[in-house]
Amino acid sequence: MEPPSGTPLTVVMVCLTVATGILDAVSFLALGQVFTATQTGNLLFLGFGIAGQGGLPVLTTVISLGSFVLGAGIGARMESMLAARERQWFPVGLTVEAALLLSAAAAAWEPGPVPGLPPGRRGLVIGLMAVAMGMRNVTAMRAAPPDLTTTVETRAMTALVSASPLGRDTRLGYGSHAAGRRLLSIASMFAGALLGAGLLALGTRPTPVLLLVAVFVAATAFLVPGLARRRHPTEE
């Protein structure tokens, strides 16, 4: 009932990291200087905004932080309950995430020729995306893939440098084969951000970008049980 391990899990988590980069590009660039996955940035933005510096929004940042916490709570309760009943919690978590992103895409729909959501709907889109990312963090932490949290790259960057010939820290993996995985993690986040920003720069509105990510996450959830069965071919 566990998620796949080894290379299959690494591939899944790298793909989800790309999705995170796309989502944060949409939230920051199209919804107004707020992250929905990278909550460390939101904590800083909230402090700056309360201090009245940088012109950063306070309300939407609070919405994102609160929704993320709600999503983490829901995800932890749901996935631990499924695990206790020996159900496949990993694909279910991804499926619920995809459904939330699909709802965010619907809420972000703009029928008119002039782009721009009213504040209420913008807050709803941010909230739905942040709930999805809160759940994603629980899913990633429960799966516990090394160096692949799918939403935070600071640790991967630190570990990559520390375990390189520059750092030579054996406790952090110097002499091991972890460097490739850490590079993949960092590169996938960058690639997602670049792809998301590029789509927006081409004039793509948030709805089709969110829809693309939702479909991608749903497809990943559909494939995961097969990968897990391939790992345990004799278990039924």
Protein backbone atom coordinates (compact mmCIF):
# COMPACT_ATOMS: atom_id res chain seq x y z
CA MET A 1 0.00 0.00 0.00
CA GLU A 2 3.07 2.24 -0.08
CA PRO A 3 4.08 4.44 -3.04
CA PRO A 4 6.70 3.15 -5.47
CA SER A 5 10.35 3.49 -4.54
CA GLY A 6 13.65 3.88 -6.30
CA THR A 7 13.70 5.29 -9.83
CA PRO A 8 9.88 5.30 -10.31
CA LEU A 9 9.37 7.41 -7.19
CA THR A 10 12.21 9.75 -8.20
CA VAL A 11 10.62 10.29 -11.63
CA VAL A 12 7.20 10.96 -10.08
CA MET A 13 8.56 13.46 -7.58
CA VAL A 14 10.68 15.25 -10.18
CA CYS A 15 7.57 15.67 -12.33
CA LEU A 16 5.60 16.98 -9.36
CA THR A 17 8.41 19.44 -8.63
CA VAL A 18 8.08 20.79 -12.17
CA ALA A 19 4.35 21.19 -11.51
CA THR A 20 5.13 23.16 -8.34
CA GLY A 21 7.31 25.59 -10.27
CA ILE A 22 4.50 26.16 -12.76
CA LEU A 23 1.93 26.74 -10.01
CA ASP A 24 4.06 29.23 -8.13
CA ALA A 25 4.75 31.07 -11.39
CA VAL A 26 1.00 31.41 -11.91
CA SER A 27 0.27 32.52 -8.35
CA PHE A 28 3.13 35.01 -8.16
CA LEU A 29 3.05 36.45 -11.67
CA ALA A 30 -0.66 36.28 -12.49
CA LEU A 31 -2.44 36.39 -9.13
CA GLY A 32 -0.45 39.08 -7.35
CA GLN A 33 2.91 38.48 -5.67
CA VAL A 34 1.95 35.51 -3.54
CA PHE A 35 3.17 31.92 -3.49
CA THR A 36 0.88 28.94 -3.03
CA ALA A 37 3.57 26.27 -2.50
CA THR A 38 6.66 28.10 -1.21
CA GLN A 39 5.27 29.21 2.12
CA THR A 40 8.67 30.35 3.43
CA GLY A 41 8.46 33.18 0.92
CA ASN A 42 4.92 33.98 2.08
CA LEU A 43 6.03 34.26 5.70
CA LEU A 44 8.63 36.80 4.64
CA PHE A 45 6.17 38.63 2.40
CA LEU A 46 3.67 38.81 5.25
CA GLY A 47 6.23 40.38 7.52
CA PHE A 48 7.24 42.88 4.84
CA GLY A 49 3.62 43.65 4.03
CA ILE A 50 2.60 44.23 7.65
CA ALA A 51 5.58 46.57 7.99
CA GLY A 52 4.29 48.46 4.95
CA GLN A 53 7.38 47.83 2.87
CA GLY A 54 7.65 46.71 -0.76
CA GLY A 55 3.98 47.13 -1.57
CA LEU A 56 3.38 43.45 -0.87
CA PRO A 57 -0.18 42.20 -0.30
CA VAL A 58 -1.21 41.07 3.17
CA LEU A 59 -4.68 39.63 2.63
CA THR A 60 -3.82 37.23 -0.19
CA THR A 61 -0.70 36.12 1.67
CA VAL A 62 -2.80 35.32 4.73
CA ILE A 63 -5.26 33.43 2.51
CA SER A 64 -2.45 31.36 1.04
CA LEU A 65 -0.86 30.60 4.41
CA GLY A 66 -4.17 29.69 6.04
CA SER A 67 -5.28 27.56 3.11
CA PHE A 68 -1.95 25.76 3.04
CA VAL A 69 -2.30 24.90 6.73
CA LEU A 70 -5.84 23.67 6.11
CA GLY A 71 -4.66 21.51 3.22
CA ALA A 72 -1.84 20.02 5.29
CA GLY A 73 -4.29 19.16 8.06
CA ILE A 74 -6.79 17.58 5.69
CA GLY A 75 -4.06 15.71 3.84
CA ALA A 76 -2.50 14.31 7.01
CA ARG A 77 -5.85 13.17 8.39
CA MET A 78 -6.97 11.62 5.10
CA GLU A 79 -3.73 9.88 4.18
CA SER A 80 -3.01 8.52 7.66
CA MET A 81 -6.57 7.15 7.80
CA LEU A 82 -6.16 5.46 4.43
CA ALA A 83 -2.80 4.02 5.47
CA ALA A 84 -4.31 2.64 8.68
CA ARG A 85 -6.94 0.87 6.55
CA GLU A 86 -4.23 -0.43 4.20
CA ARG A 87 -5.45 1.66 1.29
CA GLN A 88 -3.26 3.35 -1.31
CA TRP A 89 -2.94 6.81 0.17
CA PHE A 90 -0.34 8.11 -2.29
CA PRO A 91 -2.45 8.11 -5.49
CA VAL A 92 -5.51 9.26 -3.53
CA GLY A 93 -3.57 12.26 -2.25
CA LEU A 94 -2.53 13.16 -5.79
CA THR A 95 -6.07 12.69 -7.07
CA VAL A 96 -7.51 15.07 -4.49
CA GLU A 97 -4.75 17.56 -5.31
CA ALA A 98 -5.68 17.35 -9.00
CA ALA A 99 -9.36 17.91 -8.16
CA LEU A 100 -8.49 21.03 -6.16
CA LEU A 101 -6.35 22.38 -9.00
CA LEU A 102 -9.18 21.67 -11.43
CA SER A 103 -11.50 23.69 -9.17
CA ALA A 104 -8.93 26.50 -9.10
CA ALA A 105 -8.80 26.45 -12.91
CA ALA A 106 -12.59 26.75 -13.06
CA ALA A 107 -12.57 29.61 -10.56
CA ALA A 108 -9.90 31.41 -12.59
CA TRP A 109 -11.93 31.28 -15.82
CA GLU A 110 -12.19 34.68 -17.48
CA PRO A 111 -14.82 34.85 -20.24
CA GLY A 112 -14.07 38.43 -21.26
CA PRO A 113 -11.29 39.65 -23.54
CA VAL A 114 -9.61 41.70 -20.79
CA PRO A 115 -7.63 39.57 -18.30
CA GLY A 116 -7.92 40.23 -14.59
CA LEU A 117 -9.85 38.54 -11.79
CA PRO A 118 -11.84 40.46 -9.18
CA PRO A 119 -10.33 40.28 -5.67
CA GLY A 120 -12.83 37.73 -4.35
CA ARG A 121 -12.26 35.22 -7.12
CA ARG A 122 -8.53 35.80 -7.03
CA GLY A 123 -8.54 34.94 -3.33
CA LEU A 124 -10.58 31.80 -4.06
CA VAL A 125 -8.11 30.64 -6.71
CA ILE A 126 -5.17 31.27 -4.40
CA GLY A 127 -6.91 29.44 -1.57
CA LEU A 128 -7.71 26.36 -3.65
CA MET A 129 -4.16 26.20 -5.00
CA ALA A 130 -2.67 26.56 -1.51
CA VAL A 131 -4.94 23.82 -0.08
CA ALA A 132 -3.71 21.55 -2.88
CA MET A 133 -0.09 22.39 -2.09
CA GLY A 134 -0.61 21.81 1.62
CA MET A 135 -1.86 18.34 0.79
CA ARG A 136 1.05 17.85 -1.63
CA ASN A 137 3.55 18.57 1.15
CA VAL A 138 1.99 15.89 3.34
CA THR A 139 2.03 13.42 0.45
CA ALA A 140 5.70 14.16 -0.28
CA MET A 141 6.73 13.96 3.38
CA ARG A 142 4.94 10.65 3.85
CA ALA A 143 6.60 9.24 0.73
CA ALA A 144 9.93 10.55 2.06
CA PRO A 145 11.98 10.51 -1.15
CA PRO A 146 15.54 11.69 -0.42
CA ASP A 147 16.14 15.32 -1.49
CA LEU A 148 12.80 15.54 -3.29
CA THR A 149 10.27 17.47 -1.24
CA THR A 150 8.70 18.83 -4.49
CA THR A 151 8.19 22.32 -2.98
CA VAL A 152 11.43 23.43 -1.27
CA GLU A 153 14.90 23.46 -2.81
CA THR A 154 17.02 25.14 -0.13
CA ARG A 155 17.92 21.83 1.53
CA ALA A 156 18.70 20.18 -1.81
CA MET A 157 20.97 23.06 -2.80
CA THR A 158 22.75 23.00 0.57
CA ALA A 159 23.20 19.23 0.43
CA LEU A 160 24.44 19.38 -3.17
CA VAL A 161 27.17 21.89 -2.32
CA SER A 162 28.05 20.27 1.02
CA ALA A 163 28.52 16.85 -0.57
CA SER A 164 30.47 18.21 -3.53
CA PRO A 165 34.28 18.38 -3.77
CA LEU A 166 33.88 21.93 -2.45
CA GLY A 167 32.19 20.85 0.80
CA ARG A 168 33.45 17.26 1.09
CA ASP A 169 30.98 16.48 3.89
CA THR A 170 30.58 12.69 4.05
CA ARG A 171 27.66 13.00 6.45
CA LEU A 172 25.74 14.86 3.75
CA GLY A 173 26.63 12.40 1.00
CA TYR A 174 30.12 13.18 -0.24
CA GLY A 175 31.31 10.16 -2.19
CA SER A 176 27.77 8.88 -2.74
CA HIS A 177 25.53 9.03 -5.81
CA ALA A 178 23.10 11.58 -4.35
CA ALA A 179 24.35 14.52 -6.43
CA GLY A 180 22.36 13.54 -9.52
CA ARG A 181 19.09 13.34 -7.59
CA ARG A 182 19.72 16.70 -5.96
CA LEU A 183 20.53 18.30 -9.28
CA LEU A 184 17.31 16.87 -10.71
CA SER A 185 15.33 18.34 -7.85
CA ILE A 186 16.79 21.83 -8.30
CA ALA A 187 16.63 21.73 -12.09
CA SER A 188 13.01 20.55 -12.12
CA MET A 189 11.86 23.42 -9.92
CA PHE A 190 13.71 25.88 -12.16
CA ALA A 191 12.26 24.25 -15.26
CA GLY A 192 8.75 24.48 -13.87
CA ALA A 193 9.14 28.14 -13.00
CA LEU A 194 10.59 28.85 -16.45
CA LEU A 195 7.81 26.95 -18.20
CA GLY A 196 5.08 28.64 -16.15
CA ALA A 197 6.52 32.10 -16.68
CA GLY A 198 7.01 31.38 -20.38
CA LEU A 199 3.39 30.33 -20.82
CA LEU A 200 2.19 33.48 -19.08
CA ALA A 201 4.55 35.61 -21.16
CA LEU A 202 2.92 34.19 -24.28
CA GLY A 203 -0.41 35.53 -23.06
CA THR A 204 -1.76 32.26 -21.67
CA ARG A 205 -4.29 32.90 -18.93
CA PRO A 206 -4.15 31.08 -15.57
CA THR A 207 -7.06 28.72 -16.33
CA PRO A 208 -5.41 26.65 -19.10
CA VAL A 209 -2.12 26.52 -17.19
CA LEU A 210 -3.86 25.29 -14.04
CA LEU A 211 -5.88 22.85 -16.10
CA LEU A 212 -2.70 21.50 -17.66
CA VAL A 213 -1.13 20.91 -14.24
CA ALA A 214 -4.33 19.35 -12.85
CA VAL A 215 -4.50 16.87 -15.74
CA PHE A 216 -0.82 16.07 -15.33
CA VAL A 217 -1.16 15.38 -11.59
CA ALA A 218 -4.27 13.26 -12.20
CA ALA A 219 -2.41 11.23 -14.84
CA THR A 220 0.45 10.72 -12.38
CA ALA A 221 -2.01 9.47 -9.74
CA PHE A 222 -3.44 7.05 -12.29
CA LEU A 223 0.00 5.61 -13.09
CA VAL A 224 1.28 5.26 -9.50
CA PRO A 225 -0.69 2.11 -8.51
CA GLY A 226 0.73 0.29 -11.53
CA LEU A 227 4.26 1.28 -10.53
CA ALA A 228 3.65 0.04 -6.99
CA ARG A 229 2.26 -3.30 -8.25
CA ARG A 230 5.27 -3.69 -10.53
CA ARG A 231 7.43 -3.29 -7.45
CA HIS A 232 5.49 -6.09 -5.61
CA PRO A 233 4.33 -8.45 -8.39
CA THR A 234 3.47 -11.30 -6.00
CA GLU A 235 1.31 -9.24 -3.62
CA GLU A 236 -2.46 -9.35 -4.11
